[in-house]
Amino acid sequence: MDLSSTSTNDLRKKQRQYKGALIGALILMILVVVLGMTIKEKKATYFMPLVGMPAAFIPIIQRFQKINAELKSRAEAANN
């Protein structure tokens, strides 16, 4: 998807959505760690999802960074 053809309002909306998804994922990972620490039987298999979860969010992080860069370039173009 070409970000230059997307309206600024749509980019801001997508930025908020991606930011919410990333915050939600972080909260979920923290909860998994806390719950894992409270389990009496500490097995490595309980923590295996934590290894793959950050990798699953790499595309979201990259997309979020591209949207931020596009919004920044539009703001700089508007100021010049």
PDB file of N, CA and C in Angstrom:
ATOM      1  N   MET A   1       0.842  -1.178   0.000  1.00  0.00           N
ATOM      2  CA  MET A   1       0.000   0.000   0.000  1.00  0.00           C
ATOM      3  C   MET A   1       0.885   1.239   0.000  1.00  0.00           C
ATOM      4  N   ASP A   2       0.576   2.154  -0.882  1.00  0.00           N
ATOM      5  CA  ASP A   2       1.336   3.390  -1.008  1.00  0.00           C
ATOM      6  C   ASP A   2       0.800   4.415  -0.010  1.00  0.00           C
ATOM      7  N   LEU A   3       1.637   4.795   0.930  1.00  0.00           N
ATOM      8  CA  LEU A   3       1.201   5.721   1.975  1.00  0.00           C
ATOM      9  C   LEU A   3       1.050   7.142   1.459  1.00  0.00           C
ATOM     10  N   SER A   4       1.760   7.495   0.384  1.00  0.00           N
ATOM     11  CA  SER A   4       1.682   8.858  -0.123  1.00  0.00           C
ATOM     12  C   SER A   4       0.312   9.176  -0.713  1.00  0.00           C
ATOM     13  N   SER A   5      -0.428   8.154  -1.122  1.00  0.00           N
ATOM     14  CA  SER A   5      -1.756   8.395  -1.688  1.00  0.00           C
ATOM     15  C   SER A   5      -2.858   8.328  -0.628  1.00  0.00           C
ATOM     16  N   THR A   6      -2.505   7.987   0.592  1.00  0.00           N
ATOM     17  CA  THR A   6      -3.471   7.897   1.685  1.00  0.00           C
ATOM     18  C   THR A   6      -3.623   9.262   2.343  1.00  0.00           C
ATOM     19  N   SER A   7      -4.836   9.600   2.711  1.00  0.00           N
ATOM     20  CA  SER A   7      -5.068  10.906   3.338  1.00  0.00           C
ATOM     21  C   SER A   7      -4.430  10.948   4.729  1.00  0.00           C
ATOM     22  N   THR A   8      -4.150  12.161   5.183  1.00  0.00           N
ATOM     23  CA  THR A   8      -3.523  12.343   6.491  1.00  0.00           C
ATOM     24  C   THR A   8      -4.423  11.835   7.606  1.00  0.00           C
ATOM     25  N   ASN A   9      -5.713  12.063   7.480  1.00  0.00           N
ATOM     26  CA  ASN A   9      -6.644  11.579   8.509  1.00  0.00           C
ATOM     27  C   ASN A   9      -6.644  10.056   8.587  1.00  0.00           C
ATOM     28  N   ASP A  10      -6.598   9.410   7.435  1.00  0.00           N
ATOM     29  CA  ASP A  10      -6.549   7.943   7.431  1.00  0.00           C
ATOM     30  C   ASP A  10      -5.239   7.433   8.032  1.00  0.00           C
ATOM     31  N   LEU A  11      -4.139   8.143   7.752  1.00  0.00           N
ATOM     32  CA  LEU A  11      -2.856   7.746   8.335  1.00  0.00           C
ATOM     33  C   LEU A  11      -2.875   7.885   9.852  1.00  0.00           C
ATOM     34  N   ARG A  12      -3.447   8.960  10.336  1.00  0.00           N
ATOM     35  CA  ARG A  12      -3.527   9.142  11.792  1.00  0.00           C
ATOM     36  C   ARG A  12      -4.401   8.068  12.434  1.00  0.00           C
ATOM     37  N   LYS A  13      -5.478   7.709  11.748  1.00  0.00           N
ATOM     38  CA  LYS A  13      -6.364   6.661  12.264  1.00  0.00           C
ATOM     39  C   LYS A  13      -5.620   5.325  12.330  1.00  0.00           C
ATOM     40  N   LYS A  14      -4.872   4.996  11.264  1.00  0.00           N
ATOM     41  CA  LYS A  14      -4.093   3.757  11.247  1.00  0.00           C
ATOM     42  C   LYS A  14      -2.989   3.799  12.299  1.00  0.00           C
ATOM     43  N   GLN A  15      -2.395   4.974  12.491  1.00  0.00           N
ATOM     44  CA  GLN A  15      -1.352   5.134  13.498  1.00  0.00           C
ATOM     45  C   GLN A  15      -1.899   4.810  14.884  1.00  0.00           C
ATOM     46  N   ARG A  16      -3.080   5.319  15.189  1.00  0.00           N
ATOM     47  CA  ARG A  16      -3.702   5.026  16.490  1.00  0.00           C
ATOM     48  C   ARG A  16      -4.035   3.546  16.628  1.00  0.00           C
ATOM     49  N   GLN A  17      -4.500   2.924  15.545  1.00  0.00           N
ATOM     50  CA  GLN A  17      -4.826   1.496  15.589  1.00  0.00           C
ATOM     51  C   GLN A  17      -3.585   0.651  15.846  1.00  0.00           C
ATOM     52  N   TYR A  18      -2.504   0.933  15.127  1.00  0.00           N
ATOM     53  CA  TYR A  18      -1.270   0.176  15.315  1.00  0.00           C
ATOM     54  C   TYR A  18      -0.693   0.414  16.699  1.00  0.00           C
ATOM     55  N   LYS A  19      -0.758   1.645  17.159  1.00  0.00           N
ATOM     56  CA  LYS A  19      -0.255   1.955  18.495  1.00  0.00           C
ATOM     57  C   LYS A  19      -1.051   1.188  19.546  1.00  0.00           C
ATOM     58  N   GLY A  20      -2.370   1.142  19.397  1.00  0.00           N
ATOM     59  CA  GLY A  20      -3.209   0.378  20.325  1.00  0.00           C
ATOM     60  C   GLY A  20      -2.895  -1.106  20.290  1.00  0.00           C
ATOM     61  N   ALA A  21      -2.643  -1.629  19.096  1.00  0.00           N
ATOM     62  CA  ALA A  21      -2.306  -3.053  18.974  1.00  0.00           C
ATOM     63  C   ALA A  21      -0.975  -3.356  19.656  1.00  0.00           C
ATOM     64  N   LEU A  22      -0.005  -2.476  19.488  1.00  0.00           N
ATOM     65  CA  LEU A  22       1.295  -2.689  20.116  1.00  0.00           C
ATOM     66  C   LEU A  22       1.217  -2.579  21.640  1.00  0.00           C
ATOM     67  N   ILE A  23       0.460  -1.622  22.135  1.00  0.00           N
ATOM     68  CA  ILE A  23       0.282  -1.484  23.585  1.00  0.00           C
ATOM     69  C   ILE A  23      -0.447  -2.699  24.143  1.00  0.00           C
ATOM     70  N   GLY A  24      -1.474  -3.150  23.443  1.00  0.00           N
ATOM     71  CA  GLY A  24      -2.211  -4.334  23.871  1.00  0.00           C
ATOM     72  C   GLY A  24      -1.330  -5.575  23.898  1.00  0.00           C
ATOM     73  N   ALA A  25      -0.467  -5.715  22.903  1.00  0.00           N
ATOM     74  CA  ALA A  25       0.444  -6.859  22.864  1.00  0.00           C
ATOM     75  C   ALA A  25       1.430  -6.806  24.024  1.00  0.00           C
ATOM     76  N   LEU A  26       1.916  -5.623  24.323  1.00  0.00           N
ATOM     77  CA  LEU A  26       2.851  -5.474  25.440  1.00  0.00           C
ATOM     78  C   LEU A  26       2.172  -5.834  26.763  1.00  0.00           C
ATOM     79  N   ILE A  27       0.956  -5.368  26.944  1.00  0.00           N
ATOM     80  CA  ILE A  27       0.209  -5.698  28.167  1.00  0.00           C
ATOM     81  C   ILE A  27      -0.021  -7.203  28.252  1.00  0.00           C
ATOM     82  N   LEU A  28      -0.364  -7.819  27.130  1.00  0.00           N
ATOM     83  CA  LEU A  28      -0.578  -9.264  27.105  1.00  0.00           C
ATOM     84  C   LEU A  28       0.687 -10.022  27.486  1.00  0.00           C
ATOM     85  N   MET A  29       1.819  -9.596  26.946  1.00  0.00           N
ATOM     86  CA  MET A  29       3.080 -10.272  27.267  1.00  0.00           C
ATOM     87  C   MET A  29       3.434 -10.093  28.746  1.00  0.00           C
ATOM     88  N   ILE A  30       3.181  -8.928  29.295  1.00  0.00           N
ATOM     89  CA  ILE A  30       3.445  -8.702  30.720  1.00  0.00           C
ATOM     90  C   ILE A  30       2.553  -9.596  31.568  1.00  0.00           C
ATOM     91  N   LEU A  31       1.284  -9.713  31.188  1.00  0.00           N
ATOM     92  CA  LEU A  31       0.370 -10.594  31.930  1.00  0.00           C
ATOM     93  C   LEU A  31       0.827 -12.045  31.878  1.00  0.00           C
ATOM     94  N   VAL A  32       1.296 -12.483  30.719  1.00  0.00           N
ATOM     95  CA  VAL A  32       1.766 -13.868  30.590  1.00  0.00           C
ATOM     96  C   VAL A  32       2.967 -14.096  31.506  1.00  0.00           C
ATOM     97  N   VAL A  33       3.865 -13.128  31.564  1.00  0.00           N
ATOM     98  CA  VAL A  33       5.030 -13.273  32.438  1.00  0.00           C
ATOM     99  C   VAL A  33       4.607 -13.311  33.896  1.00  0.00           C
ATOM    100  N   VAL A  34       3.714 -12.403  34.284  1.00  0.00           N
ATOM    101  CA  VAL A  34       3.257 -12.353  35.682  1.00  0.00           C
ATOM    102  C   VAL A  34       2.526 -13.645  36.043  1.00  0.00           C
ATOM    103  N   LEU A  35       1.643 -14.102  35.164  1.00  0.00           N
ATOM    104  CA  LEU A  35       0.937 -15.359  35.436  1.00  0.00           C
ATOM    105  C   LEU A  35       1.908 -16.532  35.489  1.00  0.00           C
ATOM    106  N   GLY A  36       2.906 -16.513  34.624  1.00  0.00           N
ATOM    107  CA  GLY A  36       3.907 -17.578  34.638  1.00  0.00           C
ATOM    108  C   GLY A  36       4.702 -17.597  35.923  1.00  0.00           C
ATOM    109  N   MET A  37       4.929 -16.427  36.501  1.00  0.00           N
ATOM    110  CA  MET A  37       5.678 -16.362  37.756  1.00  0.00           C
ATOM    111  C   MET A  37       4.845 -16.853  38.940  1.00  0.00           C
ATOM    112  N   THR A  38       3.528 -16.775  38.822  1.00  0.00           N
ATOM    113  CA  THR A  38       2.680 -17.202  39.933  1.00  0.00           C
ATOM    114  C   THR A  38       2.359 -18.694  39.897  1.00  0.00           C
ATOM    115  N   ILE A  39       2.623 -19.345  38.779  1.00  0.00           N
ATOM    116  CA  ILE A  39       2.360 -20.780  38.669  1.00  0.00           C
ATOM    117  C   ILE A  39       3.381 -21.535  39.517  1.00  0.00           C
ATOM    118  N   LYS A  40       2.895 -22.490  40.272  1.00  0.00           N
ATOM    119  CA  LYS A  40       3.783 -23.246  41.158  1.00  0.00           C
ATOM    120  C   LYS A  40       4.732 -24.141  40.372  1.00  0.00           C
ATOM    121  N   GLU A  41       4.207 -24.753  39.325  1.00  0.00           N
ATOM    122  CA  GLU A  41       5.055 -25.599  38.478  1.00  0.00           C
ATOM    123  C   GLU A  41       5.628 -24.722  37.374  1.00  0.00           C
ATOM    124  N   LYS A  42       6.847 -24.342  37.528  1.00  0.00           N
ATOM    125  CA  LYS A  42       7.473 -23.491  36.509  1.00  0.00           C
ATOM    126  C   LYS A  42       8.127 -24.381  35.466  1.00  0.00           C
ATOM    127  N   LYS A  43       7.475 -24.434  34.320  1.00  0.00           N
ATOM    128  CA  LYS A  43       8.014 -25.212  33.210  1.00  0.00           C
ATOM    129  C   LYS A  43       8.348 -24.262  32.068  1.00  0.00           C
ATOM    130  N   ALA A  44       9.336 -24.634  31.307  1.00  0.00           N
ATOM    131  CA  ALA A  44       9.770 -23.797  30.189  1.00  0.00           C
ATOM    132  C   ALA A  44       8.686 -23.673  29.122  1.00  0.00           C
ATOM    133  N   THR A  45       7.813 -24.670  29.036  1.00  0.00           N
ATOM    134  CA  THR A  45       6.783 -24.629  27.999  1.00  0.00           C
ATOM    135  C   THR A  45       5.775 -23.504  28.233  1.00  0.00           C
ATOM    136  N   TYR A  46       5.642 -23.047  29.451  1.00  0.00           N
ATOM    137  CA  TYR A  46       4.730 -21.936  29.724  1.00  0.00           C
ATOM    138  C   TYR A  46       5.252 -20.632  29.124  1.00  0.00           C
ATOM    139  N   PHE A  47       6.559 -20.534  28.974  1.00  0.00           N
ATOM    140  CA  PHE A  47       7.165 -19.302  28.483  1.00  0.00           C
ATOM    141  C   PHE A  47       7.520 -19.349  27.000  1.00  0.00           C
ATOM    142  N   MET A  48       7.295 -20.467  26.355  1.00  0.00           N
ATOM    143  CA  MET A  48       7.613 -20.590  24.931  1.00  0.00           C
ATOM    144  C   MET A  48       6.866 -19.574  24.062  1.00  0.00           C
ATOM    145  N   PRO A  49       5.604 -19.279  24.322  1.00  0.00           N
ATOM    146  CA  PRO A  49       4.935 -18.273  23.490  1.00  0.00           C
ATOM    147  C   PRO A  49       5.604 -16.904  23.544  1.00  0.00           C
ATOM    148  N   LEU A  50       6.276 -16.608  24.632  1.00  0.00           N
ATOM    149  CA  LEU A  50       6.948 -15.313  24.741  1.00  0.00           C
ATOM    150  C   LEU A  50       8.096 -15.175  23.750  1.00  0.00           C
ATOM    151  N   VAL A  51       8.635 -16.298  23.308  1.00  0.00           N
ATOM    152  CA  VAL A  51       9.729 -16.256  22.343  1.00  0.00           C
ATOM    153  C   VAL A  51       9.204 -15.831  20.971  1.00  0.00           C
ATOM    154  N   GLY A  52       8.062 -16.344  20.590  1.00  0.00           N
ATOM    155  CA  GLY A  52       7.515 -16.061  19.270  1.00  0.00           C
ATOM    156  C   GLY A  52       6.661 -14.821  19.175  1.00  0.00           C
ATOM    157  N   MET A  53       6.104 -14.377  20.287  1.00  0.00           N
ATOM    158  CA  MET A  53       5.201 -13.224  20.235  1.00  0.00           C
ATOM    159  C   MET A  53       5.868 -11.950  19.720  1.00  0.00           C
ATOM    160  N   PRO A  54       7.043 -11.588  20.187  1.00  0.00           N
ATOM    161  CA  PRO A  54       7.647 -10.361  19.653  1.00  0.00           C
ATOM    162  C   PRO A  54       7.903 -10.436  18.143  1.00  0.00           C
ATOM    163  N   ALA A  55       8.285 -11.600  17.660  1.00  0.00           N
ATOM    164  CA  ALA A  55       8.540 -11.757  16.228  1.00  0.00           C
ATOM    165  C   ALA A  55       7.260 -11.586  15.413  1.00  0.00           C
ATOM    166  N   ALA A  56       6.139 -11.951  16.000  1.00  0.00           N
ATOM    167  CA  ALA A  56       4.866 -11.812  15.299  1.00  0.00           C
ATOM    168  C   ALA A  56       4.474 -10.352  15.109  1.00  0.00           C
ATOM    169  N   PHE A  57       5.014  -9.475  15.913  1.00  0.00           N
ATOM    170  CA  PHE A  57       4.644  -8.063  15.829  1.00  0.00           C
ATOM    171  C   PHE A  57       5.644  -7.219  15.046  1.00  0.00           C
ATOM    172  N   ILE A  58       6.662  -7.827  14.480  1.00  0.00           N
ATOM    173  CA  ILE A  58       7.628  -7.076  13.681  1.00  0.00           C
ATOM    174  C   ILE A  58       6.957  -6.382  12.493  1.00  0.00           C
ATOM    175  N   PRO A  59       6.068  -7.038  11.743  1.00  0.00           N
ATOM    176  CA  PRO A  59       5.413  -6.317  10.630  1.00  0.00           C
ATOM    177  C   PRO A  59       4.581  -5.121  11.108  1.00  0.00           C
ATOM    178  N   ILE A  60       3.941  -5.240  12.249  1.00  0.00           N
ATOM    179  CA  ILE A  60       3.152  -4.128  12.774  1.00  0.00           C
ATOM    180  C   ILE A  60       4.069  -2.969  13.159  1.00  0.00           C
ATOM    181  N   ILE A  61       5.191  -3.282  13.776  1.00  0.00           N
ATOM    182  CA  ILE A  61       6.141  -2.243  14.167  1.00  0.00           C
ATOM    183  C   ILE A  61       6.710  -1.545  12.938  1.00  0.00           C
ATOM    184  N   GLN A  62       7.042  -2.309  11.910  1.00  0.00           N
ATOM    185  CA  GLN A  62       7.574  -1.717  10.691  1.00  0.00           C
ATOM    186  C   GLN A  62       6.536  -0.820  10.020  1.00  0.00           C
ATOM    187  N   ARG A  63       5.305  -1.272   9.976  1.00  0.00           N
ATOM    188  CA  ARG A  63       4.227  -0.469   9.375  1.00  0.00           C
ATOM    189  C   ARG A  63       4.012   0.811  10.173  1.00  0.00           C
ATOM    190  N   PHE A  64       4.040   0.698  11.491  1.00  0.00           N
ATOM    191  CA  PHE A  64       3.876   1.853  12.377  1.00  0.00           C
ATOM    192  C   PHE A  64       4.992   2.868  12.116  1.00  0.00           C
ATOM    193  N   GLN A  65       6.214   2.404  11.954  1.00  0.00           N
ATOM    194  CA  GLN A  65       7.346   3.292  11.686  1.00  0.00           C
ATOM    195  C   GLN A  65       7.190   3.988  10.332  1.00  0.00           C
ATOM    196  N   LYS A  66       6.707   3.269   9.323  1.00  0.00           N
ATOM    197  CA  LYS A  66       6.499   3.872   8.001  1.00  0.00           C
ATOM    198  C   LYS A  66       5.422   4.950   8.059  1.00  0.00           C
ATOM    199  N   ILE A  67       4.364   4.684   8.794  1.00  0.00           N
ATOM    200  CA  ILE A  67       3.291   5.676   8.933  1.00  0.00           C
ATOM    201  C   ILE A  67       3.816   6.907   9.658  1.00  0.00           C
ATOM    202  N   ASN A  68       4.578   6.710  10.717  1.00  0.00           N
ATOM    203  CA  ASN A  68       5.156   7.840  11.443  1.00  0.00           C
ATOM    204  C   ASN A  68       6.076   8.664  10.542  1.00  0.00           C
ATOM    205  N   ALA A  69       6.890   7.998   9.739  1.00  0.00           N
ATOM    206  CA  ALA A  69       7.799   8.701   8.836  1.00  0.00           C
ATOM    207  C   ALA A  69       7.017   9.498   7.794  1.00  0.00           C
ATOM    208  N   GLU A  70       5.945   8.928   7.273  1.00  0.00           N
ATOM    209  CA  GLU A  70       5.125   9.629   6.283  1.00  0.00           C
ATOM    210  C   GLU A  70       4.452  10.850   6.902  1.00  0.00           C
ATOM    211  N   LEU A  71       3.910  10.697   8.103  1.00  0.00           N
ATOM    212  CA  LEU A  71       3.282  11.837   8.773  1.00  0.00           C
ATOM    213  C   LEU A  71       4.310  12.920   9.080  1.00  0.00           C
ATOM    214  N   LYS A  72       5.513  12.519   9.467  1.00  0.00           N
ATOM    215  CA  LYS A  72       6.565  13.488   9.759  1.00  0.00           C
ATOM    216  C   LYS A  72       6.967  14.242   8.494  1.00  0.00           C
ATOM    217  N   SER A  73       7.100  13.520   7.388  1.00  0.00           N
ATOM    218  CA  SER A  73       7.487  14.178   6.122  1.00  0.00           C
ATOM    219  C   SER A  73       6.388  15.135   5.649  1.00  0.00           C
ATOM    220  N   ARG A  74       5.147  14.789   5.892  1.00  0.00           N
ATOM    221  CA  ARG A  74       4.047  15.693   5.517  1.00  0.00           C
ATOM    222  C   ARG A  74       4.048  16.936   6.401  1.00  0.00           C
ATOM    223  N   ALA A  75       4.349  16.755   7.681  1.00  0.00           N
ATOM    224  CA  ALA A  75       4.407  17.912   8.582  1.00  0.00           C
ATOM    225  C   ALA A  75       5.551  18.827   8.202  1.00  0.00           C
ATOM    226  N   GLU A  76       6.702  18.258   7.835  1.00  0.00           N
ATOM    227  CA  GLU A  76       7.844  19.076   7.431  1.00  0.00           C
ATOM    228  C   GLU A  76       7.552  19.789   6.114  1.00  0.00           C
ATOM    229  N   ALA A  77       6.860  19.122   5.182  1.00  0.00           N
ATOM    230  CA  ALA A  77       6.510  19.745   3.908  1.00  0.00           C
ATOM    231  C   ALA A  77       5.520  20.891   4.117  1.00  0.00           C
ATOM    232  N   ALA A  78       4.623  20.742   5.069  1.00  0.00           N
ATOM    233  CA  ALA A  78       3.641  21.782   5.348  1.00  0.00           C
ATOM    234  C   ALA A  78       4.297  23.001   6.000  1.00  0.00           C
ATOM    235  N   ASN A  79       5.381  22.776   6.765  1.00  0.00           N
ATOM    236  CA  ASN A  79       6.066  23.879   7.430  1.00  0.00           C
ATOM    237  C   ASN A  79       6.973  24.664   6.492  1.00  0.00           C
ATOM    238  N   ASN A  80       7.360  24.046   5.361  1.00  0.00           N
ATOM    239  CA  ASN A  80       8.264  24.729   4.423  1.00  0.00           C
ATOM    240  C   ASN A  80       7.520  25.484   3.390  1.00  0.00           C
TER     241      ASN A  80
END
